[in-house]
């Protein structure tokens, strides 16, 4: 992050020290590369945060329906009406 913030300052100081145009182009490429890497890091960290939030949300879901709830309801109904069960 500091490299991005001070890329122009670093570029100017290195240009003054070296005085070569080719190094200036290299520094511009490095600055662009640093900016690109920062953006990728931000997107990766955002993606990791989103995944973590989703994982927490899924883990916090409580089971409200079980597979055999329908079977229990049918048995209770048959017991209430006094029918004999087929099982």
PDB file of N, CA and C in Angstrom:
ATOM      1  N   UNK A   1       0.819  -1.172   0.000  1.00  0.00           N
ATOM      2  CA  UNK A   1       0.000   0.000   0.000  1.00  0.00           C
ATOM      3  C   UNK A   1       0.878   1.256   0.000  1.00  0.00           C
ATOM      4  N   UNK A   2       1.955   1.189   0.748  1.00  0.00           N
ATOM      5  CA  UNK A   2       2.857   2.329   0.787  1.00  0.00           C
ATOM      6  C   UNK A   2       3.543   2.540  -0.558  1.00  0.00           C
ATOM      7  N   UNK A   3       3.852   1.441  -1.233  1.00  0.00           N
ATOM      8  CA  UNK A   3       4.482   1.562  -2.541  1.00  0.00           C
ATOM      9  C   UNK A   3       3.569   2.301  -3.503  1.00  0.00           C
ATOM     10  N   UNK A   4       2.278   2.002  -3.442  1.00  0.00           N
ATOM     11  CA  UNK A   4       1.329   2.666  -4.337  1.00  0.00           C
ATOM     12  C   UNK A   4       1.232   4.147  -3.977  1.00  0.00           C
ATOM     13  N   UNK A   5       1.160   4.425  -2.690  1.00  0.00           N
ATOM     14  CA  UNK A   5       0.998   5.807  -2.242  1.00  0.00           C
ATOM     15  C   UNK A   5       2.203   6.660  -2.636  1.00  0.00           C
ATOM     16  N   UNK A   6       3.391   6.104  -2.510  1.00  0.00           N
ATOM     17  CA  UNK A   6       4.608   6.865  -2.766  1.00  0.00           C
ATOM     18  C   UNK A   6       5.300   6.470  -4.075  1.00  0.00           C
ATOM     19  N   UNK A   7       4.587   5.833  -4.984  1.00  0.00           N
ATOM     20  CA  UNK A   7       5.188   5.379  -6.239  1.00  0.00           C
ATOM     21  C   UNK A   7       5.715   6.555  -7.047  1.00  0.00           C
ATOM     22  N   UNK A   8       4.938   7.623  -7.130  1.00  0.00           N
ATOM     23  CA  UNK A   8       5.386   8.788  -7.898  1.00  0.00           C
ATOM     24  C   UNK A   8       6.623   9.425  -7.273  1.00  0.00           C
ATOM     25  N   UNK A   9       6.666   9.532  -5.966  1.00  0.00           N
ATOM     26  CA  UNK A   9       7.809  10.100  -5.272  1.00  0.00           C
ATOM     27  C   UNK A   9       9.052   9.241  -5.490  1.00  0.00           C
ATOM     28  N   UNK A  10       8.884   7.936  -5.374  1.00  0.00           N
ATOM     29  CA  UNK A  10      10.006   7.013  -5.612  1.00  0.00           C
ATOM     30  C   UNK A  10      10.489   7.137  -7.045  1.00  0.00           C
ATOM     31  N   UNK A  11       9.539   7.207  -7.966  1.00  0.00           N
ATOM     32  CA  UNK A  11       9.872   7.322  -9.384  1.00  0.00           C
ATOM     33  C   UNK A  11      10.675   8.593  -9.649  1.00  0.00           C
ATOM     34  N   UNK A  12      10.230   9.716  -9.126  1.00  0.00           N
ATOM     35  CA  UNK A  12      10.923  10.985  -9.358  1.00  0.00           C
ATOM     36  C   UNK A  12      12.314  10.987  -8.748  1.00  0.00           C
ATOM     37  N   UNK A  13      12.424  10.451  -7.538  1.00  0.00           N
ATOM     38  CA  UNK A  13      13.743  10.438  -6.888  1.00  0.00           C
ATOM     39  C   UNK A  13      14.712   9.522  -7.626  1.00  0.00           C
ATOM     40  N   UNK A  14      14.237   8.395  -8.101  1.00  0.00           N
ATOM     41  CA  UNK A  14      15.126   7.509  -8.849  1.00  0.00           C
ATOM     42  C   UNK A  14      15.501   8.114 -10.196  1.00  0.00           C
ATOM     43  N   UNK A  15      14.596   8.872 -10.780  1.00  0.00           N
ATOM     44  CA  UNK A  15      14.913   9.536 -12.045  1.00  0.00           C
ATOM     45  C   UNK A  15      15.999  10.583 -11.821  1.00  0.00           C
ATOM     46  N   UNK A  16      15.907  11.308 -10.731  1.00  0.00           N
ATOM     47  CA  UNK A  16      16.914  12.321 -10.438  1.00  0.00           C
ATOM     48  C   UNK A  16      18.258  11.684 -10.152  1.00  0.00           C
ATOM     49  N   UNK A  17      18.250  10.574  -9.436  1.00  0.00           N
ATOM     50  CA  UNK A  17      19.513   9.916  -9.087  1.00  0.00           C
ATOM     51  C   UNK A  17      20.149   9.292 -10.324  1.00  0.00           C
ATOM     52  N   UNK A  18      19.380   8.562 -11.089  1.00  0.00           N
ATOM     53  CA  UNK A  18      19.925   7.839 -12.231  1.00  0.00           C
ATOM     54  C   UNK A  18      19.961   8.696 -13.492  1.00  0.00           C
ATOM     55  N   UNK A  19      18.925   9.471 -13.697  1.00  0.00           N
ATOM     56  CA  UNK A  19      18.877  10.330 -14.871  1.00  0.00           C
ATOM     57  C   UNK A  19      18.707   9.570 -16.166  1.00  0.00           C
ATOM     58  N   UNK A  20      18.179   8.370 -16.122  1.00  0.00           N
ATOM     59  CA  UNK A  20      18.004   7.576 -17.336  1.00  0.00           C
ATOM     60  C   UNK A  20      16.516   7.431 -17.644  1.00  0.00           C
ATOM     61  N   UNK A  21      16.153   7.550 -18.911  1.00  0.00           N
ATOM     62  CA  UNK A  21      14.748   7.455 -19.323  1.00  0.00           C
ATOM     63  C   UNK A  21      14.255   6.018 -19.280  1.00  0.00           C
ATOM     64  N   UNK A  22      15.133   5.078 -19.544  1.00  0.00           N
ATOM     65  CA  UNK A  22      14.703   3.677 -19.565  1.00  0.00           C
ATOM     66  C   UNK A  22      14.280   3.210 -18.173  1.00  0.00           C
ATOM     67  N   UNK A  23      14.965   3.698 -17.154  1.00  0.00           N
ATOM     68  CA  UNK A  23      14.579   3.351 -15.795  1.00  0.00           C
ATOM     69  C   UNK A  23      13.225   3.947 -15.439  1.00  0.00           C
ATOM     70  N   UNK A  24      12.918   5.097 -16.005  1.00  0.00           N
ATOM     71  CA  UNK A  24      11.623   5.725 -15.775  1.00  0.00           C
ATOM     72  C   UNK A  24      10.495   4.853 -16.272  1.00  0.00           C
ATOM     73  N   UNK A  25      10.684   4.268 -17.425  1.00  0.00           N
ATOM     74  CA  UNK A  25       9.653   3.377 -17.960  1.00  0.00           C
ATOM     75  C   UNK A  25       9.529   2.112 -17.118  1.00  0.00           C
ATOM     76  N   UNK A  26      10.656   1.629 -16.646  1.00  0.00           N
ATOM     77  CA  UNK A  26      10.618   0.454 -15.771  1.00  0.00           C
ATOM     78  C   UNK A  26       9.854   0.765 -14.495  1.00  0.00           C
ATOM     79  N   UNK A  27      10.097   1.953 -13.953  1.00  0.00           N
ATOM     80  CA  UNK A  27       9.415   2.337 -12.716  1.00  0.00           C
ATOM     81  C   UNK A  27       7.914   2.495 -12.942  1.00  0.00           C
ATOM     82  N   UNK A  28       7.539   3.050 -14.098  1.00  0.00           N
ATOM     83  CA  UNK A  28       6.114   3.179 -14.405  1.00  0.00           C
ATOM     84  C   UNK A  28       5.464   1.801 -14.480  1.00  0.00           C
ATOM     85  N   UNK A  29       6.172   0.861 -15.104  1.00  0.00           N
ATOM     86  CA  UNK A  29       5.654  -0.506 -15.197  1.00  0.00           C
ATOM     87  C   UNK A  29       5.548  -1.127 -13.803  1.00  0.00           C
ATOM     88  N   UNK A  30       6.555  -0.888 -12.977  1.00  0.00           N
ATOM     89  CA  UNK A  30       6.516  -1.420 -11.612  1.00  0.00           C
ATOM     90  C   UNK A  30       5.364  -0.817 -10.824  1.00  0.00           C
ATOM     91  N   UNK A  31       5.147   0.482 -11.006  1.00  0.00           N
ATOM     92  CA  UNK A  31       4.054   1.152 -10.292  1.00  0.00           C
ATOM     93  C   UNK A  31       2.710   0.576 -10.730  1.00  0.00           C
ATOM     94  N   UNK A  32       2.551   0.376 -12.031  1.00  0.00           N
ATOM     95  CA  UNK A  32       1.307  -0.212 -12.534  1.00  0.00           C
ATOM     96  C   UNK A  32       1.134  -1.634 -12.008  1.00  0.00           C
ATOM     97  N   UNK A  33       2.231  -2.381 -11.977  1.00  0.00           N
ATOM     98  CA  UNK A  33       2.180  -3.747 -11.466  1.00  0.00           C
ATOM     99  C   UNK A  33       1.805  -3.758  -9.983  1.00  0.00           C
ATOM    100  N   UNK A  34       2.375  -2.838  -9.222  1.00  0.00           N
ATOM    101  CA  UNK A  34       2.040  -2.747  -7.793  1.00  0.00           C
ATOM    102  C   UNK A  34       0.566  -2.403  -7.602  1.00  0.00           C
ATOM    103  N   UNK A  35       0.057  -1.473  -8.407  1.00  0.00           N
ATOM    104  CA  UNK A  35      -1.356  -1.115  -8.309  1.00  0.00           C
ATOM    105  C   UNK A  35      -2.242  -2.307  -8.638  1.00  0.00           C
ATOM    106  N   UNK A  36      -1.857  -3.040  -9.669  1.00  0.00           N
ATOM    107  CA  UNK A  36      -2.636  -4.218 -10.069  1.00  0.00           C
ATOM    108  C   UNK A  36      -2.624  -5.266  -8.959  1.00  0.00           C
ATOM    109  N   UNK A  37      -1.464  -5.488  -8.353  1.00  0.00           N
ATOM    110  CA  UNK A  37      -1.371  -6.456  -7.269  1.00  0.00           C
ATOM    111  C   UNK A  37      -2.190  -6.022  -6.060  1.00  0.00           C
ATOM    112  N   UNK A  38      -2.197  -4.731  -5.766  1.00  0.00           N
ATOM    113  CA  UNK A  38      -3.009  -4.224  -4.656  1.00  0.00           C
ATOM    114  C   UNK A  38      -4.498  -4.462  -4.914  1.00  0.00           C
ATOM    115  N   UNK A  39      -4.934  -4.200  -6.133  1.00  0.00           N
ATOM    116  CA  UNK A  39      -6.336  -4.430  -6.467  1.00  0.00           C
ATOM    117  C   UNK A  39      -6.696  -5.908  -6.357  1.00  0.00           C
ATOM    118  N   UNK A  40      -5.793  -6.785  -6.814  1.00  0.00           N
ATOM    119  CA  UNK A  40      -6.026  -8.217  -6.711  1.00  0.00           C
ATOM    120  C   UNK A  40      -6.074  -8.649  -5.242  1.00  0.00           C
ATOM    121  N   UNK A  41      -5.174  -8.109  -4.442  1.00  0.00           N
ATOM    122  CA  UNK A  41      -5.167  -8.436  -3.011  1.00  0.00           C
ATOM    123  C   UNK A  41      -6.465  -7.983  -2.347  1.00  0.00           C
ATOM    124  N   UNK A  42      -6.927  -6.795  -2.715  1.00  0.00           N
ATOM    125  CA  UNK A  42      -8.187  -6.303  -2.157  1.00  0.00           C
ATOM    126  C   UNK A  42      -9.341  -7.207  -2.554  1.00  0.00           C
ATOM    127  N   UNK A  43      -9.383  -7.591  -3.831  1.00  0.00           N
ATOM    128  CA  UNK A  43     -10.482  -8.445  -4.281  1.00  0.00           C
ATOM    129  C   UNK A  43     -10.392  -9.825  -3.631  1.00  0.00           C
ATOM    130  N   UNK A  44      -9.169 -10.346  -3.460  1.00  0.00           N
ATOM    131  CA  UNK A  44      -9.004 -11.638  -2.797  1.00  0.00           C
ATOM    132  C   UNK A  44      -9.425 -11.577  -1.339  1.00  0.00           C
ATOM    133  N   UNK A  45      -9.048 -10.501  -0.660  1.00  0.00           N
ATOM    134  CA  UNK A  45      -9.429 -10.385   0.747  1.00  0.00           C
ATOM    135  C   UNK A  45     -10.938 -10.203   0.876  1.00  0.00           C
ATOM    136  N   UNK A  46     -11.552  -9.465  -0.065  1.00  0.00           N
ATOM    137  CA  UNK A  46     -13.009  -9.305  -0.045  1.00  0.00           C
ATOM    138  C   UNK A  46     -13.684 -10.647  -0.297  1.00  0.00           C
ATOM    139  N   UNK A  47     -13.140 -11.423  -1.221  1.00  0.00           N
ATOM    140  CA  UNK A  47     -13.691 -12.740  -1.520  1.00  0.00           C
ATOM    141  C   UNK A  47     -13.583 -13.659  -0.301  1.00  0.00           C
ATOM    142  N   UNK A  48     -12.451 -13.621   0.371  1.00  0.00           N
ATOM    143  CA  UNK A  48     -12.274 -14.438   1.573  1.00  0.00           C
ATOM    144  C   UNK A  48     -13.265 -14.024   2.659  1.00  0.00           C
ATOM    145  N   UNK A  49     -13.459 -12.705   2.817  1.00  0.00           N
ATOM    146  CA  UNK A  49     -14.423 -12.218   3.803  1.00  0.00           C
ATOM    147  C   UNK A  49     -15.834 -12.682   3.468  1.00  0.00           C
ATOM    148  N   UNK A  50     -16.196 -12.580   2.171  1.00  0.00           N
ATOM    149  CA  UNK A  50     -17.530 -13.017   1.746  1.00  0.00           C
ATOM    150  C   UNK A  50     -17.737 -14.501   2.001  1.00  0.00           C
ATOM    151  N   UNK A  51     -16.720 -15.297   1.697  1.00  0.00           N
ATOM    152  CA  UNK A  51     -16.818 -16.737   1.929  1.00  0.00           C
ATOM    153  C   UNK A  51     -16.959 -17.051   3.416  1.00  0.00           C
ATOM    154  N   UNK A  52     -16.201 -16.335   4.238  1.00  0.00           N
ATOM    155  CA  UNK A  52     -16.274 -16.558   5.678  1.00  0.00           C
ATOM    156  C   UNK A  52     -17.656 -16.195   6.205  1.00  0.00           C
ATOM    157  N   UNK A  53     -18.207 -15.077   5.745  1.00  0.00           N
ATOM    158  CA  UNK A  53     -19.548 -14.676   6.158  1.00  0.00           C
ATOM    159  C   UNK A  53     -20.588 -15.692   5.721  1.00  0.00           C
ATOM    160  N   UNK A  54     -20.447 -16.201   4.506  1.00  0.00           N
ATOM    161  CA  UNK A  54     -21.390 -17.206   4.005  1.00  0.00           C
ATOM    162  C   UNK A  54     -21.284 -18.490   4.826  1.00  0.00           C
ATOM    163  N   UNK A  55     -20.064 -18.891   5.153  1.00  0.00           N
ATOM    164  CA  UNK A  55     -19.861 -20.101   5.943  1.00  0.00           C
ATOM    165  C   UNK A  55     -20.503 -19.955   7.324  1.00  0.00           C
ATOM    166  N   UNK A  56     -20.324 -18.795   7.937  1.00  0.00           N
ATOM    167  CA  UNK A  56     -20.922 -18.549   9.249  1.00  0.00           C
ATOM    168  C   UNK A  56     -22.440 -18.562   9.151  1.00  0.00           C
ATOM    169  N   UNK A  57     -22.980 -17.966   8.086  1.00  0.00           N
ATOM    170  CA  UNK A  57     -24.440 -17.948   7.908  1.00  0.00           C
ATOM    171  C   UNK A  57     -24.986 -19.357   7.738  1.00  0.00           C
ATOM    172  N   UNK A  58     -24.294 -20.181   6.984  1.00  0.00           N
ATOM    173  CA  UNK A  58     -24.752 -21.563   6.767  1.00  0.00           C
ATOM    174  C   UNK A  58     -24.674 -22.354   8.061  1.00  0.00           C
ATOM    175  N   UNK A  59     -23.600 -22.158   8.823  1.00  0.00           N
ATOM    176  CA  UNK A  59     -23.454 -22.893  10.078  1.00  0.00           C
ATOM    177  C   UNK A  59     -24.481 -22.465  11.117  1.00  0.00           C
ATOM    178  N   UNK A  60     -24.973 -21.242  11.017  1.00  0.00           N
ATOM    179  CA  UNK A  60     -25.928 -20.757  12.012  1.00  0.00           C
ATOM    180  C   UNK A  60     -27.366 -21.182  11.705  1.00  0.00           C
ATOM    181  N   UNK A  61     -27.598 -21.753  10.544  1.00  0.00           N
ATOM    182  CA  UNK A  61     -28.945 -22.216  10.197  1.00  0.00           C
ATOM    183  C   UNK A  61     -29.274 -23.434  11.042  1.00  0.00           C
ATOM    184  N   UNK A  62     -30.439 -23.387  11.682  1.00  0.00           N
ATOM    185  CA  UNK A  62     -30.857 -24.505  12.519  1.00  0.00           C
ATOM    186  C   UNK A  62     -31.815 -25.393  11.732  1.00  0.00           C
ATOM    187  N   UNK A  63     -31.702 -26.666  11.960  1.00  0.00           N
ATOM    188  CA  UNK A  63     -32.576 -27.615  11.281  1.00  0.00           C
ATOM    189  C   UNK A  63     -33.968 -27.520  11.889  1.00  0.00           C
ATOM    190  N   UNK A  64     -34.947 -27.271  11.044  1.00  0.00           N
ATOM    191  CA  UNK A  64     -36.324 -27.169  11.517  1.00  0.00           C
ATOM    192  C   UNK A  64     -37.173 -28.329  11.027  1.00  0.00           C
ATOM    193  N   UNK A  65     -36.721 -29.008  10.005  1.00  0.00           N
ATOM    194  CA  UNK A  65     -37.465 -30.140   9.455  1.00  0.00           C
ATOM    195  C   UNK A  65     -36.541 -31.346   9.400  1.00  0.00           C
ATOM    196  N   UNK A  66     -37.065 -32.476   9.830  1.00  0.00           N
ATOM    197  CA  UNK A  66     -36.301 -33.710   9.757  1.00  0.00           C
ATOM    198  C   UNK A  66     -36.953 -34.614   8.713  1.00  0.00           C
ATOM    199  N   UNK A  67     -36.205 -35.570   8.230  1.00  0.00           N
ATOM    200  CA  UNK A  67     -36.699 -36.416   7.157  1.00  0.00           C
ATOM    201  C   UNK A  67     -37.924 -37.236   7.552  1.00  0.00           C
ATOM    202  N   UNK A  68     -38.017 -37.624   8.784  1.00  0.00           N
ATOM    203  CA  UNK A  68     -39.124 -38.497   9.182  1.00  0.00           C
ATOM    204  C   UNK A  68     -40.270 -37.743   9.849  1.00  0.00           C
ATOM    205  N   UNK A  69     -40.319 -36.441   9.728  1.00  0.00           N
ATOM    206  CA  UNK A  69     -41.412 -35.659  10.318  1.00  0.00           C
ATOM    207  C   UNK A  69     -42.763 -36.034   9.707  1.00  0.00           C
ATOM    208  N   UNK A  70     -42.806 -36.252   8.428  1.00  0.00           N
ATOM    209  CA  UNK A  70     -44.055 -36.627   7.763  1.00  0.00           C
ATOM    210  C   UNK A  70     -44.568 -37.969   8.273  1.00  0.00           C
ATOM    211  N   UNK A  71     -43.679 -38.912   8.498  1.00  0.00           N
ATOM    212  CA  UNK A  71     -44.049 -40.230   8.998  1.00  0.00           C
ATOM    213  C   UNK A  71     -44.629 -40.125  10.404  1.00  0.00           C
ATOM    214  N   UNK A  72     -43.998 -39.331  11.249  1.00  0.00           N
ATOM    215  CA  UNK A  72     -44.507 -39.137  12.609  1.00  0.00           C
ATOM    216  C   UNK A  72     -45.877 -38.464  12.585  1.00  0.00           C
ATOM    217  N   UNK A  73     -46.044 -37.491  11.714  1.00  0.00           N
ATOM    218  CA  UNK A  73     -47.328 -36.797  11.626  1.00  0.00           C
ATOM    219  C   UNK A  73     -48.427 -37.766  11.185  1.00  0.00           C
ATOM    220  N   UNK A  74     -48.111 -38.619  10.221  1.00  0.00           N
ATOM    221  CA  UNK A  74     -49.110 -39.587   9.753  1.00  0.00           C
ATOM    222  C   UNK A  74     -49.472 -40.578  10.864  1.00  0.00           C
ATOM    223  N   UNK A  75     -48.486 -41.048  11.588  1.00  0.00           N
ATOM    224  CA  UNK A  75     -48.759 -41.974  12.690  1.00  0.00           C
ATOM    225  C   UNK A  75     -49.598 -41.307  13.778  1.00  0.00           C
ATOM    226  N   UNK A  76     -49.286 -40.057  14.107  1.00  0.00           N
ATOM    227  CA  UNK A  76     -50.073 -39.330  15.097  1.00  0.00           C
ATOM    228  C   UNK A  76     -51.513 -39.157  14.626  1.00  0.00           C
ATOM    229  N   UNK A  77     -51.688 -38.832  13.363  1.00  0.00           N
ATOM    230  CA  UNK A  77     -53.027 -38.649  12.806  1.00  0.00           C
ATOM    231  C   UNK A  77     -53.827 -39.949  12.879  1.00  0.00           C
ATOM    232  N   UNK A  78     -53.203 -41.051  12.482  1.00  0.00           N
ATOM    233  CA  UNK A  78     -53.887 -42.343  12.529  1.00  0.00           C
ATOM    234  C   UNK A  78     -54.235 -42.729  13.959  1.00  0.00           C
ATOM    235  N   UNK A  79     -53.345 -42.386  14.919  1.00  0.00           N
ATOM    236  CA  UNK A  79     -53.642 -42.695  16.319  1.00  0.00           C
ATOM    237  C   UNK A  79     -54.803 -41.853  16.826  1.00  0.00           C
ATOM    238  N   UNK A  80     -54.901 -40.611  16.390  1.00  0.00           N
ATOM    239  CA  UNK A  80     -55.984 -39.736  16.819  1.00  0.00           C
ATOM    240  C   UNK A  80     -57.338 -40.216  16.318  1.00  0.00           C
ATOM    241  N   UNK A  81     -57.373 -40.634  15.040  1.00  0.00           N
ATOM    242  CA  UNK A  81     -58.658 -41.065  14.485  1.00  0.00           C
ATOM    243  C   UNK A  81     -58.974 -42.531  14.828  1.00  0.00           C
ATOM    244  N   UNK A  82     -58.019 -43.206  15.441  1.00  0.00           N
ATOM    245  CA  UNK A  82     -58.247 -44.571  15.880  1.00  0.00           C
ATOM    246  C   UNK A  82     -58.162 -45.599  14.768  1.00  0.00           C
ATOM    247  N   UNK A  83     -57.494 -45.275  13.715  1.00  0.00           N
ATOM    248  CA  UNK A  83     -57.336 -46.215  12.600  1.00  0.00           C
ATOM    249  C   UNK A  83     -56.189 -47.158  12.902  1.00  0.00           C
ATOM    250  N   UNK A  84     -56.262 -48.327  12.316  1.00  0.00           N
ATOM    251  CA  UNK A  84     -55.152 -49.260  12.454  1.00  0.00           C
ATOM    252  C   UNK A  84     -54.097 -48.895  11.426  1.00  0.00           C
ATOM    253  N   UNK A  85     -52.894 -49.031  11.812  1.00  0.00           N
ATOM    254  CA  UNK A  85     -51.845 -48.659  10.901  1.00  0.00           C
ATOM    255  C   UNK A  85     -51.533 -49.819   9.946  1.00  0.00           C
ATOM    256  N   UNK A  86     -51.039 -49.469   8.807  1.00  0.00           N
ATOM    257  CA  UNK A  86     -50.705 -50.459   7.792  1.00  0.00           C
ATOM    258  C   UNK A  86     -49.326 -51.067   8.023  1.00  0.00           C
ATOM    259  N   UNK A  87     -48.586 -50.570   8.970  1.00  0.00           N
ATOM    260  CA  UNK A  87     -47.222 -51.039   9.165  1.00  0.00           C
ATOM    261  C   UNK A  87     -47.192 -52.201  10.042  1.00  0.00           C
TER     262      UNK A  87
END
